[in-house]
Amino acid sequence: MTYRVCLVCMGNICRSPMAEVVLRRTLADRGLGGRVTVESAGTGGWHVGDPMDERALEILSQHGYDGSAHRARQFTKDWFDRYDLVLAMDRDNLSNLRRLAPAGVEVRLFRSFDPAAPEGAEVPDPYYGGREGFEEVLELVEAASEGVAKHIADELDEIH
């Protein structure tokens, strides 16, 4: 069985693809890469088919990550049954996803898995800012990815 995760932001060109690349590496480093599929999408469709924002790619590359294969996608209601875990980058996208979600499906904030993050903490959208915002996003997603990886490892242990 493969555990499937989808990370969601607004346009799927900055935050969620950065988190996808980081979480994929974090899981691989813990020996879970072959048991978990990590994908990302946006709640909006403006960028469908586009590569990751150049600034996001640059920051990832400078820190040893490769996001060059990414192409933006839009999350739709019928996707909920594809994933075991759907995580939003911020409260707006969390609300959008919860409106789409079938009854009983849990959607959480990505940073809720970072024990150092305050309740309701978000990954801020760096799109309209400078390089510092993308650096901050990378730091935040690296920290939360550790907690997400632990959660998934625990879930996989319960399954087997």
C-alpha atoms as a PDB file:
ATOM      1  CA  MET A   1       0.000   0.000   0.000  1.00  0.00           C
ATOM      2  CA  THR A   2       1.189   3.494  -0.866  1.00  0.00           C
ATOM      3  CA  TYR A   3       0.287   6.370   1.436  1.00  0.00           C
ATOM      4  CA  ARG A   4      -0.646   9.463  -0.583  1.00  0.00           C
ATOM      5  CA  VAL A   5      -0.291  13.111   0.447  1.00  0.00           C
ATOM      6  CA  CYS A   6      -1.375  16.287  -1.342  1.00  0.00           C
ATOM      7  CA  LEU A   7      -0.113  19.723  -0.295  1.00  0.00           C
ATOM      8  CA  VAL A   8      -2.273  22.643  -1.363  1.00  0.00           C
ATOM      9  CA  CYS A   9      -1.806  26.405  -1.764  1.00  0.00           C
ATOM     10  CA  MET A  10      -3.460  28.992  -4.001  1.00  0.00           C
ATOM     11  CA  GLY A  11      -1.758  28.680  -7.404  1.00  0.00           C
ATOM     12  CA  ASN A  12       0.614  25.719  -6.924  1.00  0.00           C
ATOM     13  CA  ILE A  13       3.722  27.588  -8.018  1.00  0.00           C
ATOM     14  CA  CYS A  14       5.336  28.673  -4.718  1.00  0.00           C
ATOM     15  CA  ARG A  15       4.475  27.200  -1.325  1.00  0.00           C
ATOM     16  CA  SER A  16       2.913  23.811  -2.011  1.00  0.00           C
ATOM     17  CA  PRO A  17       5.471  22.749  -4.629  1.00  0.00           C
ATOM     18  CA  MET A  18       8.309  23.845  -2.349  1.00  0.00           C
ATOM     19  CA  ALA A  19       6.745  21.798   0.453  1.00  0.00           C
ATOM     20  CA  GLU A  20       6.265  18.857  -1.929  1.00  0.00           C
ATOM     21  CA  VAL A  21       9.958  18.780  -2.840  1.00  0.00           C
ATOM     22  CA  VAL A  22      11.068  19.165   0.785  1.00  0.00           C
ATOM     23  CA  LEU A  23       8.639  16.576   2.178  1.00  0.00           C
ATOM     24  CA  ARG A  24       9.583  14.082  -0.520  1.00  0.00           C
ATOM     25  CA  ARG A  25      13.259  14.409   0.493  1.00  0.00           C
ATOM     26  CA  THR A  26      12.437  14.241   4.204  1.00  0.00           C
ATOM     27  CA  LEU A  27      10.482  11.018   3.693  1.00  0.00           C
ATOM     28  CA  ALA A  28      13.234   9.518   1.528  1.00  0.00           C
ATOM     29  CA  ASP A  29      15.824  10.373   4.197  1.00  0.00           C
ATOM     30  CA  ARG A  30      13.724   8.366   6.686  1.00  0.00           C
ATOM     31  CA  GLY A  31      13.415   5.371   4.390  1.00  0.00           C
ATOM     32  CA  LEU A  32       9.755   6.059   3.583  1.00  0.00           C
ATOM     33  CA  GLY A  33      10.167   7.318   0.019  1.00  0.00           C
ATOM     34  CA  GLY A  34       9.013   4.076  -1.573  1.00  0.00           C
ATOM     35  CA  ARG A  35       5.910   3.908   0.615  1.00  0.00           C
ATOM     36  CA  VAL A  36       4.643   7.486   0.244  1.00  0.00           C
ATOM     37  CA  THR A  37       3.609   9.560  -2.767  1.00  0.00           C
ATOM     38  CA  VAL A  38       3.773  13.327  -2.309  1.00  0.00           C
ATOM     39  CA  GLU A  39       2.023  15.668  -4.720  1.00  0.00           C
ATOM     40  CA  SER A  40       0.812  19.263  -4.682  1.00  0.00           C
ATOM     41  CA  ALA A  41      -1.929  21.367  -6.212  1.00  0.00           C
ATOM     42  CA  GLY A  42      -3.592  24.758  -6.008  1.00  0.00           C
ATOM     43  CA  THR A  43      -7.164  25.701  -5.233  1.00  0.00           C
ATOM     44  CA  GLY A  44      -7.061  28.108  -8.176  1.00  0.00           C
ATOM     45  CA  GLY A  45      -6.424  27.229 -11.792  1.00  0.00           C
ATOM     46  CA  TRP A  46      -4.514  30.302 -13.032  1.00  0.00           C
ATOM     47  CA  HIS A  47      -1.159  28.566 -13.318  1.00  0.00           C
ATOM     48  CA  VAL A  48      -2.165  25.019 -14.386  1.00  0.00           C
ATOM     49  CA  GLY A  49       0.684  23.548 -16.434  1.00  0.00           C
ATOM     50  CA  ASP A  50       3.195  26.223 -15.420  1.00  0.00           C
ATOM     51  CA  PRO A  51       6.537  25.420 -13.778  1.00  0.00           C
ATOM     52  CA  MET A  52       7.336  26.479 -10.240  1.00  0.00           C
ATOM     53  CA  ASP A  53       8.003  30.188  -9.653  1.00  0.00           C
ATOM     54  CA  GLU A  54      11.623  30.951 -10.620  1.00  0.00           C
ATOM     55  CA  ARG A  55      12.367  32.406  -7.186  1.00  0.00           C
ATOM     56  CA  ALA A  56      11.117  29.229  -5.491  1.00  0.00           C
ATOM     57  CA  LEU A  57      13.234  27.096  -7.820  1.00  0.00           C
ATOM     58  CA  GLU A  58      16.291  29.226  -7.114  1.00  0.00           C
ATOM     59  CA  ILE A  59      15.935  28.992  -3.322  1.00  0.00           C
ATOM     60  CA  LEU A  60      15.345  25.237  -3.493  1.00  0.00           C
ATOM     61  CA  SER A  61      18.351  24.756  -5.766  1.00  0.00           C
ATOM     62  CA  GLN A  62      20.605  26.782  -3.468  1.00  0.00           C
ATOM     63  CA  HIS A  63      19.647  24.417  -0.648  1.00  0.00           C
ATOM     64  CA  GLY A  64      20.193  21.204  -2.608  1.00  0.00           C
ATOM     65  CA  TYR A  65      16.618  20.519  -3.756  1.00  0.00           C
ATOM     66  CA  ASP A  66      15.374  20.025  -7.310  1.00  0.00           C
ATOM     67  CA  GLY A  67      11.944  21.356  -8.219  1.00  0.00           C
ATOM     68  CA  SER A  68      12.489  21.539 -11.968  1.00  0.00           C
ATOM     69  CA  ALA A  69       9.981  18.794 -12.855  1.00  0.00           C
ATOM     70  CA  HIS A  70       7.034  20.543 -11.183  1.00  0.00           C
ATOM     71  CA  ARG A  71       3.989  21.591 -13.192  1.00  0.00           C
ATOM     72  CA  ALA A  72       1.071  23.328 -11.485  1.00  0.00           C
ATOM     73  CA  ARG A  73      -2.244  21.511 -11.052  1.00  0.00           C
ATOM     74  CA  GLN A  74      -5.641  22.439  -9.630  1.00  0.00           C
ATOM     75  CA  PHE A  75      -7.198  20.453  -6.789  1.00  0.00           C
ATOM     76  CA  THR A  76     -10.759  19.353  -7.480  1.00  0.00           C
ATOM     77  CA  LYS A  77     -13.419  17.778  -5.284  1.00  0.00           C
ATOM     78  CA  ASP A  78     -13.005  14.299  -6.776  1.00  0.00           C
ATOM     79  CA  TRP A  79      -9.363  14.226  -5.667  1.00  0.00           C
ATOM     80  CA  PHE A  80     -10.196  13.660  -1.988  1.00  0.00           C
ATOM     81  CA  ASP A  81     -10.532   9.913  -2.478  1.00  0.00           C
ATOM     82  CA  ARG A  82      -7.042   9.810  -4.031  1.00  0.00           C
ATOM     83  CA  TYR A  83      -5.253  10.972  -0.865  1.00  0.00           C
ATOM     84  CA  ASP A  84      -4.787   9.799   2.693  1.00  0.00           C
ATOM     85  CA  LEU A  85      -3.734  13.263   3.842  1.00  0.00           C
ATOM     86  CA  VAL A  86      -4.564  16.700   2.381  1.00  0.00           C
ATOM     87  CA  LEU A  87      -2.691  19.652   3.882  1.00  0.00           C
ATOM     88  CA  ALA A  88      -3.298  23.342   3.224  1.00  0.00           C
ATOM     89  CA  MET A  89      -0.603  25.995   3.416  1.00  0.00           C
ATOM     90  CA  ASP A  90      -2.909  28.665   4.890  1.00  0.00           C
ATOM     91  CA  ARG A  91      -6.347  29.211   6.403  1.00  0.00           C
ATOM     92  CA  ASP A  92      -7.910  30.565   3.180  1.00  0.00           C
ATOM     93  CA  ASN A  93      -6.997  27.420   1.269  1.00  0.00           C
ATOM     94  CA  LEU A  94      -7.989  25.294   4.257  1.00  0.00           C
ATOM     95  CA  SER A  95     -11.464  26.876   4.105  1.00  0.00           C
ATOM     96  CA  ASN A  96     -11.657  26.337   0.339  1.00  0.00           C
ATOM     97  CA  LEU A  97     -10.698  22.682   0.726  1.00  0.00           C
ATOM     98  CA  ARG A  98     -13.111  22.102   3.594  1.00  0.00           C
ATOM     99  CA  ARG A  99     -15.956  23.471   1.454  1.00  0.00           C
ATOM    100  CA  LEU A 100     -15.052  20.930  -1.249  1.00  0.00           C
ATOM    101  CA  ALA A 101     -14.431  17.993   1.079  1.00  0.00           C
ATOM    102  CA  PRO A 102     -16.957  15.205   1.490  1.00  0.00           C
ATOM    103  CA  ALA A 103     -18.333  14.684   4.995  1.00  0.00           C
ATOM    104  CA  GLY A 104     -15.849  13.044   7.337  1.00  0.00           C
ATOM    105  CA  VAL A 105     -12.725  13.994   5.366  1.00  0.00           C
ATOM    106  CA  GLU A 106     -10.167  15.843   7.464  1.00  0.00           C
ATOM    107  CA  VAL A 107      -8.063  18.612   5.951  1.00  0.00           C
ATOM    108  CA  ARG A 108      -5.348  20.178   8.104  1.00  0.00           C
ATOM    109  CA  LEU A 109      -2.895  23.032   8.010  1.00  0.00           C
ATOM    110  CA  PHE A 110       0.599  21.934   6.975  1.00  0.00           C
ATOM    111  CA  ARG A 111       2.234  23.799   9.865  1.00  0.00           C
ATOM    112  CA  SER A 112       0.004  22.039  12.398  1.00  0.00           C
ATOM    113  CA  PHE A 113       2.658  19.302  12.278  1.00  0.00           C
ATOM    114  CA  ASP A 114       5.430  21.672  13.446  1.00  0.00           C
ATOM    115  CA  PRO A 115       5.530  21.404  17.261  1.00  0.00           C
ATOM    116  CA  ALA A 116       7.211  24.830  17.474  1.00  0.00           C
ATOM    117  CA  ALA A 117       4.473  26.569  15.453  1.00  0.00           C
ATOM    118  CA  PRO A 118       1.634  28.330  17.243  1.00  0.00           C
ATOM    119  CA  GLU A 119      -1.936  27.082  16.789  1.00  0.00           C
ATOM    120  CA  GLY A 120      -3.282  28.038  13.342  1.00  0.00           C
ATOM    121  CA  ALA A 121       0.165  28.926  11.947  1.00  0.00           C
ATOM    122  CA  GLU A 122       0.335  29.335   8.187  1.00  0.00           C
ATOM    123  CA  VAL A 123       2.961  29.230   5.475  1.00  0.00           C
ATOM    124  CA  PRO A 124       2.804  32.833   4.183  1.00  0.00           C
ATOM    125  CA  ASP A 125       2.494  33.465   0.454  1.00  0.00           C
ATOM    126  CA  PRO A 126       5.827  34.845  -0.809  1.00  0.00           C
ATOM    127  CA  TYR A 127       4.579  35.601  -4.338  1.00  0.00           C
ATOM    128  CA  TYR A 128       4.354  39.401  -4.081  1.00  0.00           C
ATOM    129  CA  GLY A 129       7.501  39.834  -2.007  1.00  0.00           C
ATOM    130  CA  GLY A 130      11.216  39.342  -2.409  1.00  0.00           C
ATOM    131  CA  ARG A 131      13.729  36.599  -1.877  1.00  0.00           C
ATOM    132  CA  GLU A 132      13.378  36.733   1.929  1.00  0.00           C
ATOM    133  CA  GLY A 133       9.825  35.428   1.692  1.00  0.00           C
ATOM    134  CA  PHE A 134      10.924  32.360  -0.251  1.00  0.00           C
ATOM    135  CA  GLU A 135      13.723  31.730   2.249  1.00  0.00           C
ATOM    136  CA  GLU A 136      11.167  31.935   5.065  1.00  0.00           C
ATOM    137  CA  VAL A 137       8.853  29.495   3.262  1.00  0.00           C
ATOM    138  CA  LEU A 138      11.716  27.014   2.907  1.00  0.00           C
ATOM    139  CA  GLU A 139      12.545  27.236   6.630  1.00  0.00           C
ATOM    140  CA  LEU A 140       8.898  26.775   7.605  1.00  0.00           C
ATOM    141  CA  VAL A 141       8.285  23.820   5.293  1.00  0.00           C
ATOM    142  CA  GLU A 142      11.503  22.108   6.385  1.00  0.00           C
ATOM    143  CA  ALA A 143      10.409  22.379  10.029  1.00  0.00           C
ATOM    144  CA  ALA A 144       6.855  21.154   9.375  1.00  0.00           C
ATOM    145  CA  SER A 145       8.032  18.356   7.063  1.00  0.00           C
ATOM    146  CA  GLU A 146       9.739  16.658   9.993  1.00  0.00           C
ATOM    147  CA  GLY A 147       6.429  16.467  11.847  1.00  0.00           C
ATOM    148  CA  VAL A 148       4.507  15.356   8.747  1.00  0.00           C
ATOM    149  CA  ALA A 149       7.062  12.584   8.172  1.00  0.00           C
ATOM    150  CA  LYS A 150       6.679  11.405  11.773  1.00  0.00           C
ATOM    151  CA  HIS A 151       2.882  11.431  11.436  1.00  0.00           C
ATOM    152  CA  ILE A 152       3.034   9.398   8.215  1.00  0.00           C
ATOM    153  CA  ALA A 153       5.503   6.924   9.735  1.00  0.00           C
ATOM    154  CA  ASP A 154       3.105   6.440  12.672  1.00  0.00           C
ATOM    155  CA  GLU A 155       0.158   5.982  10.269  1.00  0.00           C
ATOM    156  CA  LEU A 156       2.082   3.410   8.249  1.00  0.00           C
ATOM    157  CA  ASP A 157       3.045   1.538  11.419  1.00  0.00           C
ATOM    158  CA  GLU A 158      -0.640   1.345  12.388  1.00  0.00           C
ATOM    159  CA  ILE A 159      -1.564  -0.044   8.970  1.00  0.00           C
ATOM    160  CA  HIS A 160       0.993  -2.839   9.164  1.00  0.00           C
END
